[in-house]
PDB file of N, CA and C in Angstrom:
ATOM      1  N   MET A   1      20.202  91.926  36.703  1.00  0.00           N
ATOM      2  CA  MET A   1      21.555  91.766  36.949  1.00  0.00           C
ATOM      3  C   MET A   1      22.260  92.915  36.620  1.00  0.00           C
ATOM      4  N   LYS A   2      23.228  93.283  37.703  1.00  0.00           N
ATOM      5  CA  LYS A   2      24.146  94.406  37.435  1.00  0.00           C
ATOM      6  C   LYS A   2      25.438  93.998  37.035  1.00  0.00           C
ATOM      7  N   LEU A   3      26.430  94.698  35.915  1.00  0.00           N
ATOM      8  CA  LEU A   3      27.534  94.419  35.761  1.00  0.00           C
ATOM      9  C   LEU A   3      28.487  95.459  36.294  1.00  0.00           C
ATOM     10  N   PHE A   4      29.602  95.049  36.902  1.00  0.00           N
ATOM     11  CA  PHE A   4      30.489  95.840  37.341  1.00  0.00           C
ATOM     12  C   PHE A   4      31.910  95.832  36.647  1.00  0.00           C
ATOM     13  N   SER A   5      32.527  96.824  36.461  1.00  0.00           N
ATOM     14  CA  SER A   5      33.873  97.021  35.803  1.00  0.00           C
ATOM     15  C   SER A   5      35.004  97.217  36.614  1.00  0.00           C
ATOM     16  N   ILE A   6      35.920  96.360  36.792  1.00  0.00           N
ATOM     17  CA  ILE A   6      37.103  96.806  37.691  1.00  0.00           C
ATOM     18  C   ILE A   6      38.284  97.106  36.693  1.00  0.00           C
ATOM     19  N   LEU A   7      38.803  98.253  37.087  1.00  0.00           N
ATOM     20  CA  LEU A   7      40.066  98.657  36.301  1.00  0.00           C
ATOM     21  C   LEU A   7      41.418  97.985  37.212  1.00  0.00           C
ATOM     22  N   GLY A   8      42.273  97.611  36.424  1.00  0.00           N
ATOM     23  CA  GLY A   8      43.390  96.920  37.054  1.00  0.00           C
ATOM     24  C   GLY A   8      44.445  97.943  37.875  1.00  0.00           C
ATOM     25  N   GLY A   9      44.558  99.264  37.554  1.00  0.00           N
ATOM     26  CA  GLY A   9      45.288 100.191  38.373  1.00  0.00           C
ATOM     27  C   GLY A   9      44.613 101.309  38.595  1.00  0.00           C
ATOM     28  N   LYS A  10      45.498 102.127  39.165  1.00  0.00           N
ATOM     29  CA  LYS A  10      45.247 103.466  39.526  1.00  0.00           C
ATOM     30  C   LYS A  10      45.566 104.553  38.285  1.00  0.00           C
ATOM     31  N   LYS A  11      44.678 105.617  38.488  1.00  0.00           N
ATOM     32  CA  LYS A  11      45.397 106.767  37.633  1.00  0.00           C
ATOM     33  C   LYS A  11      46.443 107.351  38.250  1.00  0.00           C
ATOM     34  N   THR A  12      47.335 107.739  37.528  1.00  0.00           N
ATOM     35  CA  THR A  12      48.484 108.666  38.102  1.00  0.00           C
ATOM     36  C   THR A  12      48.273 110.089  37.831  1.00  0.00           C
ATOM     37  N   SER A  13      48.239 110.963  38.988  1.00  0.00           N
ATOM     38  CA  SER A  13      47.963 112.174  38.851  1.00  0.00           C
ATOM     39  C   SER A  13      49.100 113.009  39.313  1.00  0.00           C
ATOM     40  N   GLN A  14      49.484 114.252  39.093  1.00  0.00           N
ATOM     41  CA  GLN A  14      50.525 114.971  39.724  1.00  0.00           C
ATOM     42  C   GLN A  14      50.338 115.089  41.213  1.00  0.00           C
ATOM     43  N   ALA A  15      49.196 115.019  41.610  1.00  0.00           N
ATOM     44  CA  ALA A  15      49.158 115.065  43.373  1.00  0.00           C
ATOM     45  C   ALA A  15      49.508 113.817  43.810  1.00  0.00           C
ATOM     46  N   ASN A  16      49.421 112.524  43.190  1.00  0.00           N
ATOM     47  CA  ASN A  16      50.001 111.222  43.620  1.00  0.00           C
ATOM     48  C   ASN A  16      51.406 111.146  43.584  1.00  0.00           C
ATOM     49  N   VAL A  17      52.128 111.798  42.961  1.00  0.00           N
ATOM     50  CA  VAL A  17      53.528 111.531  42.638  1.00  0.00           C
ATOM     51  C   VAL A  17      54.458 112.445  43.912  1.00  0.00           C
ATOM     52  N   ASN A  18      54.942 111.622  44.550  1.00  0.00           N
ATOM     53  CA  ASN A  18      55.983 112.142  45.600  1.00  0.00           C
ATOM     54  C   ASN A  18      57.278 112.515  45.050  1.00  0.00           C
ATOM     55  N   THR A  19      57.648 113.709  44.907  1.00  0.00           N
ATOM     56  CA  THR A  19      59.021 114.051  44.411  1.00  0.00           C
ATOM     57  C   THR A  19      59.647 114.820  45.632  1.00  0.00           C
ATOM     58  N   THR A  20      61.043 114.392  45.707  1.00  0.00           N
ATOM     59  CA  THR A  20      61.712 115.120  46.524  1.00  0.00           C
ATOM     60  C   THR A  20      62.557 116.498  46.073  1.00  0.00           C
ATOM     61  N   ALA A  21      62.267 117.492  46.575  1.00  0.00           N
ATOM     62  CA  ALA A  21      62.808 118.776  46.145  1.00  0.00           C
ATOM     63  C   ALA A  21      64.138 118.830  47.096  1.00  0.00           C
ATOM     64  N   TYR A  22      65.017 119.410  46.343  1.00  0.00           N
ATOM     65  CA  TYR A  22      66.644 119.499  46.848  1.00  0.00           C
ATOM     66  C   TYR A  22      66.849 121.038  46.906  1.00  0.00           C
ATOM     67  N   THR A  23      67.695 121.413  47.913  1.00  0.00           N
ATOM     68  CA  THR A  23      68.093 122.856  48.143  1.00  0.00           C
ATOM     69  C   THR A  23      68.855 123.421  46.877  1.00  0.00           C
ATOM     70  N   LYS A  24      68.734 124.529  46.682  1.00  0.00           N
ATOM     71  CA  LYS A  24      69.400 125.178  45.534  1.00  0.00           C
ATOM     72  C   LYS A  24      71.055 125.306  45.995  1.00  0.00           C
ATOM     73  N   GLU A  25      71.242 125.375  47.290  1.00  0.00           N
ATOM     74  CA  GLU A  25      72.663 125.568  47.881  1.00  0.00           C
ATOM     75  C   GLU A  25      73.329 124.293  47.995  1.00  0.00           C
ATOM     76  N   PHE A  26      72.742 123.140  48.153  1.00  0.00           N
ATOM     77  CA  PHE A  26      73.315 121.752  48.404  1.00  0.00           C
ATOM     78  C   PHE A  26      72.311 121.052  47.589  1.00  0.00           C
ATOM     79  N   THR A  27      72.512 120.673  46.109  1.00  0.00           N
ATOM     80  CA  THR A  27      71.792 120.031  45.437  1.00  0.00           C
ATOM     81  C   THR A  27      71.436 118.657  45.667  1.00  0.00           C
ATOM     82  N   TYR A  28      72.384 117.936  46.613  1.00  0.00           N
ATOM     83  CA  TYR A  28      72.197 116.590  47.013  1.00  0.00           C
ATOM     84  C   TYR A  28      71.345 116.496  48.372  1.00  0.00           C
ATOM     85  N   LEU A  29      70.960 117.713  48.918  1.00  0.00           N
ATOM     86  CA  LEU A  29      70.336 117.611  50.271  1.00  0.00           C
ATOM     87  C   LEU A  29      68.801 117.938  50.310  1.00  0.00           C
ATOM     88  N   PRO A  30      67.923 117.203  50.583  1.00  0.00           N
ATOM     89  CA  PRO A  30      66.412 117.586  50.401  1.00  0.00           C
ATOM     90  C   PRO A  30      66.180 118.848  51.159  1.00  0.00           C
ATOM     91  N   SER A  31      65.131 119.478  50.538  1.00  0.00           N
ATOM     92  CA  SER A  31      64.732 120.817  50.992  1.00  0.00           C
ATOM     93  C   SER A  31      63.664 120.493  52.127  1.00  0.00           C
ATOM     94  N   TYR A  32      63.559 121.372  52.915  1.00  0.00           N
ATOM     95  CA  TYR A  32      62.508 121.340  54.001  1.00  0.00           C
ATOM     96  C   TYR A  32      61.192 122.273  53.349  1.00  0.00           C
ATOM     97  N   HIS A  33      60.358 121.370  52.831  1.00  0.00           N
ATOM     98  CA  HIS A  33      59.279 122.095  52.171  1.00  0.00           C
ATOM     99  C   HIS A  33      59.526 123.157  51.163  1.00  0.00           C
ATOM    100  N   TRP A  34      60.280 123.055  50.517  1.00  0.00           N
ATOM    101  CA  TRP A  34      60.915 124.035  49.281  1.00  0.00           C
ATOM    102  C   TRP A  34      61.082 125.472  49.851  1.00  0.00           C
ATOM    103  N   VAL A  35      61.562 125.516  50.996  1.00  0.00           N
ATOM    104  CA  VAL A  35      61.947 126.739  51.811  1.00  0.00           C
ATOM    105  C   VAL A  35      63.231 127.311  51.056  1.00  0.00           C
ATOM    106  N   GLN A  36      63.117 128.710  50.801  1.00  0.00           N
ATOM    107  CA  GLN A  36      64.482 129.437  50.287  1.00  0.00           C
ATOM    108  C   GLN A  36      65.386 129.898  51.425  1.00  0.00           C
ATOM    109  N   SER A  37      66.568 130.001  51.063  1.00  0.00           N
ATOM    110  CA  SER A  37      67.634 130.299  51.818  1.00  0.00           C
ATOM    111  C   SER A  37      67.569 131.835  52.199  1.00  0.00           C
ATOM    112  N   THR A  38      67.782 132.501  53.438  1.00  0.00           N
ATOM    113  CA  THR A  38      67.918 133.794  53.551  1.00  0.00           C
ATOM    114  C   THR A  38      69.407 134.063  53.749  1.00  0.00           C
ATOM    115  N   GLU A  39      70.219 133.211  53.673  1.00  0.00           N
ATOM    116  CA  GLU A  39      71.776 133.556  53.790  1.00  0.00           C
ATOM    117  C   GLU A  39      72.599 132.354  53.247  1.00  0.00           C
ATOM    118  N   TYR A  40      73.540 132.564  52.629  1.00  0.00           N
ATOM    119  CA  TYR A  40      74.428 131.554  52.056  1.00  0.00           C
ATOM    120  C   TYR A  40      75.762 131.774  52.031  1.00  0.00           C
ATOM    121  N   THR A  41      76.781 130.979  52.578  1.00  0.00           N
ATOM    122  CA  THR A  41      78.083 131.191  52.577  1.00  0.00           C
ATOM    123  C   THR A  41      78.868 129.886  52.009  1.00  0.00           C
ATOM    124  N   PRO A  42      79.556 130.121  50.916  1.00  0.00           N
ATOM    125  CA  PRO A  42      80.050 128.898  50.162  1.00  0.00           C
ATOM    126  C   PRO A  42      81.139 128.606  51.201  1.00  0.00           C
ATOM    127  N   SER A  43      81.716 127.184  50.677  1.00  0.00           N
ATOM    128  CA  SER A  43      82.939 126.592  51.466  1.00  0.00           C
ATOM    129  C   SER A  43      84.097 127.386  50.956  1.00  0.00           C
ATOM    130  N   THR A  44      85.273 127.421  51.816  1.00  0.00           N
ATOM    131  CA  THR A  44      86.437 127.805  51.373  1.00  0.00           C
ATOM    132  C   THR A  44      87.503 126.901  51.792  1.00  0.00           C
ATOM    133  N   THR A  45      88.722 127.158  51.530  1.00  0.00           N
ATOM    134  CA  THR A  45      90.133 126.314  51.950  1.00  0.00           C
ATOM    135  C   THR A  45      89.967 126.256  53.542  1.00  0.00           C
ATOM    136  N   GLU A  46      89.768 127.491  54.223  1.00  0.00           N
ATOM    137  CA  GLU A  46      89.675 127.410  55.599  1.00  0.00           C
ATOM    138  C   GLU A  46      88.405 126.731  56.169  1.00  0.00           C
ATOM    139  N   GLU A  47      87.420 127.010  55.619  1.00  0.00           N
ATOM    140  CA  GLU A  47      85.886 126.507  56.191  1.00  0.00           C
ATOM    141  C   GLU A  47      85.479 125.552  55.295  1.00  0.00           C
ATOM    142  N   THR A  48      85.690 124.151  55.414  1.00  0.00           N
ATOM    143  CA  THR A  48      85.248 123.250  54.339  1.00  0.00           C
ATOM    144  C   THR A  48      83.805 123.114  54.128  1.00  0.00           C
ATOM    145  N   LEU A  49      82.982 123.419  54.998  1.00  0.00           N
ATOM    146  CA  LEU A  49      81.639 123.155  55.033  1.00  0.00           C
ATOM    147  C   LEU A  49      80.898 124.743  54.506  1.00  0.00           C
ATOM    148  N   ALA A  50      80.076 124.438  53.555  1.00  0.00           N
ATOM    149  CA  ALA A  50      79.124 125.816  53.178  1.00  0.00           C
ATOM    150  C   ALA A  50      78.150 125.996  54.227  1.00  0.00           C
ATOM    151  N   LYS A  51      77.641 126.975  54.258  1.00  0.00           N
ATOM    152  CA  LYS A  51      76.621 127.274  55.307  1.00  0.00           C
ATOM    153  C   LYS A  51      75.455 128.032  54.528  1.00  0.00           C
ATOM    154  N   ALA A  52      74.169 127.539  55.082  1.00  0.00           N
ATOM    155  CA  ALA A  52      73.128 128.212  54.634  1.00  0.00           C
ATOM    156  C   ALA A  52      71.911 128.379  55.923  1.00  0.00           C
ATOM    157  N   LYS A  53      71.140 129.291  55.849  1.00  0.00           N
ATOM    158  CA  LYS A  53      70.266 129.760  56.770  1.00  0.00           C
ATOM    159  C   LYS A  53      68.782 129.823  56.151  1.00  0.00           C
ATOM    160  N   TYR A  54      67.863 129.302  56.765  1.00  0.00           N
ATOM    161  CA  TYR A  54      66.486 129.101  56.218  1.00  0.00           C
ATOM    162  C   TYR A  54      65.495 129.712  57.397  1.00  0.00           C
ATOM    163  N   LEU A  55      64.717 130.357  57.092  1.00  0.00           N
ATOM    164  CA  LEU A  55      63.631 130.913  58.002  1.00  0.00           C
ATOM    165  C   LEU A  55      62.342 130.157  57.742  1.00  0.00           C
ATOM    166  N   ILE A  56      61.805 129.642  58.549  1.00  0.00           N
ATOM    167  CA  ILE A  56      60.495 128.862  58.383  1.00  0.00           C
ATOM    168  C   ILE A  56      59.501 129.579  59.450  1.00  0.00           C
ATOM    169  N   HIS A  57      58.494 130.294  58.700  1.00  0.00           N
ATOM    170  CA  HIS A  57      57.586 131.096  59.483  1.00  0.00           C
ATOM    171  C   HIS A  57      56.346 130.396  60.367  1.00  0.00           C
ATOM    172  N   ASN A  58      56.082 130.767  61.227  1.00  0.00           N
ATOM    173  CA  ASN A  58      54.855 130.322  62.001  1.00  0.00           C
ATOM    174  C   ASN A  58      54.856 129.005  62.291  1.00  0.00           C
ATOM    175  N   THR A  59      55.906 128.488  62.747  1.00  0.00           N
ATOM    176  CA  THR A  59      55.854 126.982  63.339  1.00  0.00           C
ATOM    177  C   THR A  59      56.651 127.039  64.530  1.00  0.00           C
ATOM    178  N   LYS A  60      56.757 125.883  65.034  1.00  0.00           N
ATOM    179  CA  LYS A  60      57.619 125.257  66.197  1.00  0.00           C
ATOM    180  C   LYS A  60      58.869 124.419  65.779  1.00  0.00           C
ATOM    181  N   ASP A  61      59.778 124.481  66.681  1.00  0.00           N
ATOM    182  CA  ASP A  61      61.079 123.980  66.551  1.00  0.00           C
ATOM    183  C   ASP A  61      60.991 122.388  66.653  1.00  0.00           C
ATOM    184  N   THR A  62      60.191 121.920  67.349  1.00  0.00           N
ATOM    185  CA  THR A  62      59.937 120.405  67.450  1.00  0.00           C
ATOM    186  C   THR A  62      59.386 119.952  66.188  1.00  0.00           C
ATOM    187  N   GLN A  63      58.221 120.628  65.698  1.00  0.00           N
ATOM    188  CA  GLN A  63      57.655 120.266  64.446  1.00  0.00           C
ATOM    189  C   GLN A  63      58.569 120.234  63.267  1.00  0.00           C
ATOM    190  N   VAL A  64      59.596 121.386  62.911  1.00  0.00           N
ATOM    191  CA  VAL A  64      60.343 121.403  62.023  1.00  0.00           C
ATOM    192  C   VAL A  64      61.549 120.255  62.072  1.00  0.00           C
ATOM    193  N   TYR A  65      62.035 120.165  63.408  1.00  0.00           N
ATOM    194  CA  TYR A  65      63.096 119.147  63.578  1.00  0.00           C
ATOM    195  C   TYR A  65      62.533 117.621  63.182  1.00  0.00           C
ATOM    196  N   GLU A  66      61.326 117.317  63.738  1.00  0.00           N
ATOM    197  CA  GLU A  66      60.974 116.022  63.336  1.00  0.00           C
ATOM    198  C   GLU A  66      60.623 115.718  62.065  1.00  0.00           C
ATOM    199  N   ALA A  67      60.059 116.866  61.175  1.00  0.00           N
ATOM    200  CA  ALA A  67      59.718 116.636  59.820  1.00  0.00           C
ATOM    201  C   ALA A  67      60.955 116.583  58.955  1.00  0.00           C
ATOM    202  N   TYR A  68      62.035 117.591  59.337  1.00  0.00           N
ATOM    203  CA  TYR A  68      63.025 117.463  58.434  1.00  0.00           C
ATOM    204  C   TYR A  68      64.010 116.140  58.695  1.00  0.00           C
ATOM    205  N   LYS A  69      64.073 115.735  59.833  1.00  0.00           N
ATOM    206  CA  LYS A  69      64.826 114.460  60.081  1.00  0.00           C
ATOM    207  C   LYS A  69      64.134 113.338  59.199  1.00  0.00           C
ATOM    208  N   ALA A  70      62.833 113.233  59.416  1.00  0.00           N
ATOM    209  CA  ALA A  70      62.084 112.248  58.499  1.00  0.00           C
ATOM    210  C   ALA A  70      62.196 112.279  57.080  1.00  0.00           C
ATOM    211  N   ILE A  71      62.149 113.494  56.517  1.00  0.00           N
ATOM    212  CA  ILE A  71      62.497 113.873  55.158  1.00  0.00           C
ATOM    213  C   ILE A  71      64.005 113.262  54.803  1.00  0.00           C
ATOM    214  N   LEU A  72      65.127 113.742  55.527  1.00  0.00           N
ATOM    215  CA  LEU A  72      66.365 113.160  55.427  1.00  0.00           C
ATOM    216  C   LEU A  72      66.447 111.647  55.389  1.00  0.00           C
ATOM    217  N   ILE A  73      65.830 110.982  56.362  1.00  0.00           N
ATOM    218  CA  ILE A  73      65.778 109.555  56.523  1.00  0.00           C
ATOM    219  C   ILE A  73      65.165 108.816  55.157  1.00  0.00           C
ATOM    220  N   LYS A  74      64.040 109.465  54.789  1.00  0.00           N
ATOM    221  CA  LYS A  74      63.314 109.003  53.641  1.00  0.00           C
ATOM    222  C   LYS A  74      64.285 109.080  52.332  1.00  0.00           C
ATOM    223  N   ASP A  75      65.284 109.904  52.445  1.00  0.00           N
ATOM    224  CA  ASP A  75      65.997 110.032  51.061  1.00  0.00           C
ATOM    225  C   ASP A  75      67.346 109.293  51.324  1.00  0.00           C
ATOM    226  N   GLY A  76      67.318 108.477  52.441  1.00  0.00           N
ATOM    227  CA  GLY A  76      68.474 107.767  52.298  1.00  0.00           C
ATOM    228  C   GLY A  76      69.653 108.042  53.399  1.00  0.00           C
ATOM    229  N   TRP A  77      69.347 109.319  53.930  1.00  0.00           N
ATOM    230  CA  TRP A  77      70.419 109.803  54.881  1.00  0.00           C
ATOM    231  C   TRP A  77      70.485 108.939  56.262  1.00  0.00           C
ATOM    232  N   THR A  78      71.423 108.990  56.913  1.00  0.00           N
ATOM    233  CA  THR A  78      71.737 108.321  58.211  1.00  0.00           C
ATOM    234  C   THR A  78      72.074 109.346  59.177  1.00  0.00           C
ATOM    235  N   ILE A  79      71.059 109.290  60.302  1.00  0.00           N
ATOM    236  CA  ILE A  79      71.423 110.229  61.534  1.00  0.00           C
ATOM    237  C   ILE A  79      72.725 109.762  62.144  1.00  0.00           C
ATOM    238  N   THR A  80      73.763 110.665  62.276  1.00  0.00           N
ATOM    239  CA  THR A  80      74.886 109.995  62.836  1.00  0.00           C
ATOM    240  C   THR A  80      75.185 110.697  64.277  1.00  0.00           C
ATOM    241  N   LYS A  81      74.689 111.725  64.663  1.00  0.00           N
ATOM    242  CA  LYS A  81      74.642 112.435  65.978  1.00  0.00           C
ATOM    243  C   LYS A  81      73.414 113.295  66.160  1.00  0.00           C
ATOM    244  N   GLU A  82      72.849 113.266  67.409  1.00  0.00           N
ATOM    245  CA  GLU A  82      71.601 113.900  67.883  1.00  0.00           C
ATOM    246  C   GLU A  82      71.369 114.450  68.964  1.00  0.00           C
ATOM    247  N   THR A  83      71.071 115.868  69.264  1.00  0.00           N
ATOM    248  CA  THR A  83      70.780 116.288  70.364  1.00  0.00           C
ATOM    249  C   THR A  83      69.198 116.930  70.068  1.00  0.00           C
ATOM    250  N   ALA A  84      68.312 116.161  70.665  1.00  0.00           N
ATOM    251  CA  ALA A  84      66.800 116.342  70.383  1.00  0.00           C
ATOM    252  C   ALA A  84      66.392 117.896  70.275  1.00  0.00           C
ATOM    253  N   VAL A  85      65.700 118.067  69.248  1.00  0.00           N
ATOM    254  CA  VAL A  85      65.041 119.485  68.973  1.00  0.00           C
ATOM    255  C   VAL A  85      66.121 120.558  68.731  1.00  0.00           C
ATOM    256  N   ILE A  86      67.307 120.297  69.028  1.00  0.00           N
ATOM    257  CA  ILE A  86      68.444 121.190  68.936  1.00  0.00           C
ATOM    258  C   ILE A  86      69.187 121.089  67.644  1.00  0.00           C
ATOM    259  N   ASN A  87      69.717 120.021  67.475  1.00  0.00           N
ATOM    260  CA  ASN A  87      70.639 119.807  66.230  1.00  0.00           C
ATOM    261  C   ASN A  87      70.744 118.272  65.872  1.00  0.00           C
ATOM    262  N   PHE A  88      71.133 117.925  64.604  1.00  0.00           N
ATOM    263  CA  PHE A  88      71.761 116.504  64.346  1.00  0.00           C
ATOM    264  C   PHE A  88      72.694 116.701  63.138  1.00  0.00           C
ATOM    265  N   SER A  89      73.337 115.607  63.043  1.00  0.00           N
ATOM    266  CA  SER A  89      74.309 115.414  61.878  1.00  0.00           C
ATOM    267  C   SER A  89      73.752 114.362  61.313  1.00  0.00           C
ATOM    268  N   ALA A  90      74.055 114.296  59.752  1.00  0.00           N
ATOM    269  CA  ALA A  90      73.484 113.259  58.893  1.00  0.00           C
ATOM    270  C   ALA A  90      74.674 112.989  57.987  1.00  0.00           C
ATOM    271  N   LYS A  91      74.518 111.792  57.242  1.00  0.00           N
ATOM    272  CA  LYS A  91      75.465 111.376  56.497  1.00  0.00           C
ATOM    273  C   LYS A  91      74.810 110.587  55.157  1.00  0.00           C
ATOM    274  N   LYS A  92      75.312 110.861  53.933  1.00  0.00           N
ATOM    275  CA  LYS A  92      74.655 109.993  52.608  1.00  0.00           C
ATOM    276  C   LYS A  92      76.004 110.138  51.834  1.00  0.00           C
ATOM    277  N   ASP A  93      76.264 108.966  51.412  1.00  0.00           N
ATOM    278  CA  ASP A  93      77.496 108.860  50.485  1.00  0.00           C
ATOM    279  C   ASP A  93      78.663 109.527  50.962  1.00  0.00           C
ATOM    280  N   THR A  94      78.998 110.540  50.138  1.00  0.00           N
ATOM    281  CA  THR A  94      80.348 111.329  50.623  1.00  0.00           C
ATOM    282  C   THR A  94      79.814 112.400  51.441  1.00  0.00           C
ATOM    283  N   HIS A  95      78.752 112.772  51.372  1.00  0.00           N
ATOM    284  CA  HIS A  95      78.202 114.166  52.059  1.00  0.00           C
ATOM    285  C   HIS A  95      77.810 114.052  53.576  1.00  0.00           C
ATOM    286  N   ILE A  96      77.992 115.170  54.074  1.00  0.00           N
ATOM    287  CA  ILE A  96      77.734 115.184  55.562  1.00  0.00           C
ATOM    288  C   ILE A  96      76.927 116.664  55.806  1.00  0.00           C
ATOM    289  N   ALA A  97      75.939 116.556  56.662  1.00  0.00           N
ATOM    290  CA  ALA A  97      75.357 117.733  56.814  1.00  0.00           C
ATOM    291  C   ALA A  97      75.115 118.021  58.444  1.00  0.00           C
ATOM    292  N   HIS A  98      75.479 119.148  58.921  1.00  0.00           N
ATOM    293  CA  HIS A  98      75.136 119.460  60.397  1.00  0.00           C
ATOM    294  C   HIS A  98      73.977 120.482  60.304  1.00  0.00           C
ATOM    295  N   ILE A  99      72.922 120.119  61.013  1.00  0.00           N
ATOM    296  CA  ILE A  99      71.618 120.989  60.885  1.00  0.00           C
ATOM    297  C   ILE A  99      71.151 121.268  62.398  1.00  0.00           C
ATOM    298  N   SER A 100      71.024 122.597  62.388  1.00  0.00           N
ATOM    299  CA  SER A 100      70.732 123.166  63.873  1.00  0.00           C
ATOM    300  C   SER A 100      69.445 123.937  63.702  1.00  0.00           C
ATOM    301  N   PHE A 101      68.743 124.032  64.888  1.00  0.00           N
ATOM    302  CA  PHE A 101      67.165 124.662  64.841  1.00  0.00           C
ATOM    303  C   PHE A 101      67.263 125.605  65.936  1.00  0.00           C
ATOM    304  N   SER A 102      66.780 126.766  65.684  1.00  0.00           N
ATOM    305  CA  SER A 102      66.718 127.756  66.888  1.00  0.00           C
ATOM    306  C   SER A 102      65.127 128.640  66.572  1.00  0.00           C
ATOM    307  N   ILE A 103      64.728 129.077  67.772  1.00  0.00           N
ATOM    308  CA  ILE A 103      63.539 129.722  67.697  1.00  0.00           C
ATOM    309  C   ILE A 103      63.758 131.320  67.635  1.00  0.00           C
ATOM    310  N   SER A 104      63.112 131.956  66.612  1.00  0.00           N
ATOM    311  CA  SER A 104      63.137 133.392  66.311  1.00  0.00           C
ATOM    312  C   SER A 104      61.701 133.907  66.290  1.00  0.00           C
ATOM    313  N   ASP A 105      61.187 134.254  67.676  1.00  0.00           N
ATOM    314  CA  ASP A 105      59.815 134.786  67.579  1.00  0.00           C
ATOM    315  C   ASP A 105      58.910 133.764  67.362  1.00  0.00           C
ATOM    316  N   LYS A 106      57.883 133.691  66.342  1.00  0.00           N
ATOM    317  CA  LYS A 106      56.992 132.683  66.047  1.00  0.00           C
ATOM    318  C   LYS A 106      57.713 131.633  64.907  1.00  0.00           C
ATOM    319  N   ASP A 107      58.786 132.015  64.475  1.00  0.00           N
ATOM    320  CA  ASP A 107      59.658 131.385  63.208  1.00  0.00           C
ATOM    321  C   ASP A 107      60.556 130.404  63.936  1.00  0.00           C
ATOM    322  N   VAL A 108      61.024 129.577  62.895  1.00  0.00           N
ATOM    323  CA  VAL A 108      62.371 128.807  63.402  1.00  0.00           C
ATOM    324  C   VAL A 108      63.386 129.005  62.217  1.00  0.00           C
ATOM    325  N   LEU A 109      64.444 129.217  62.685  1.00  0.00           N
ATOM    326  CA  LEU A 109      65.765 129.238  61.914  1.00  0.00           C
ATOM    327  C   LEU A 109      66.614 127.949  61.939  1.00  0.00           C
ATOM    328  N   LEU A 110      66.652 127.614  60.498  1.00  0.00           N
ATOM    329  CA  LEU A 110      67.357 126.350  60.461  1.00  0.00           C
ATOM    330  C   LEU A 110      68.524 126.603  59.786  1.00  0.00           C
ATOM    331  N   THR A 111      69.642 126.047  60.368  1.00  0.00           N
ATOM    332  CA  THR A 111      70.931 126.417  59.853  1.00  0.00           C
ATOM    333  C   THR A 111      71.525 125.031  59.419  1.00  0.00           C
ATOM    334  N   VAL A 112      72.181 125.144  58.204  1.00  0.00           N
ATOM    335  CA  VAL A 112      72.751 123.774  57.547  1.00  0.00           C
ATOM    336  C   VAL A 112      73.954 124.314  57.194  1.00  0.00           C
ATOM    337  N   GLN A 113      74.975 123.250  57.567  1.00  0.00           N
ATOM    338  CA  GLN A 113      76.506 123.411  57.354  1.00  0.00           C
ATOM    339  C   GLN A 113      76.672 121.957  56.600  1.00  0.00           C
ATOM    340  N   SER A 114      77.040 122.098  55.310  1.00  0.00           N
ATOM    341  CA  SER A 114      77.436 120.748  54.546  1.00  0.00           C
ATOM    342  C   SER A 114      78.249 120.808  53.752  1.00  0.00           C
ATOM    343  N   LYS A 115      78.750 119.599  53.128  1.00  0.00           N
ATOM    344  CA  LYS A 115      79.816 119.421  52.132  1.00  0.00           C
ATOM    345  C   LYS A 115      79.363 118.056  51.418  1.00  0.00           C
TER     346      LYS A 115
END
């Protein structure tokens, strides 16, 4: 006769924990895979939205567009306006974000304007 032991739960490891990283520039806005900004312009009285640019290397615009949109939706953002693969606007609580995507050689330039 063989005896089997069944554990009531799973072990939790660091790899199993899903944490959302947020951008340094917009602490309320999820980051696209921890990418760092290449340029940042804070908001002013004339321009109420701050602006940040992120360069994502060796990828395609469609891939970044779909993945980042999914990251925001998972974090509770609502997509309010969308032009597929070019840009979208999103809202969460009192925050808004206008996000655009452009191709630069083999890279994608992600531009975020938000408040």
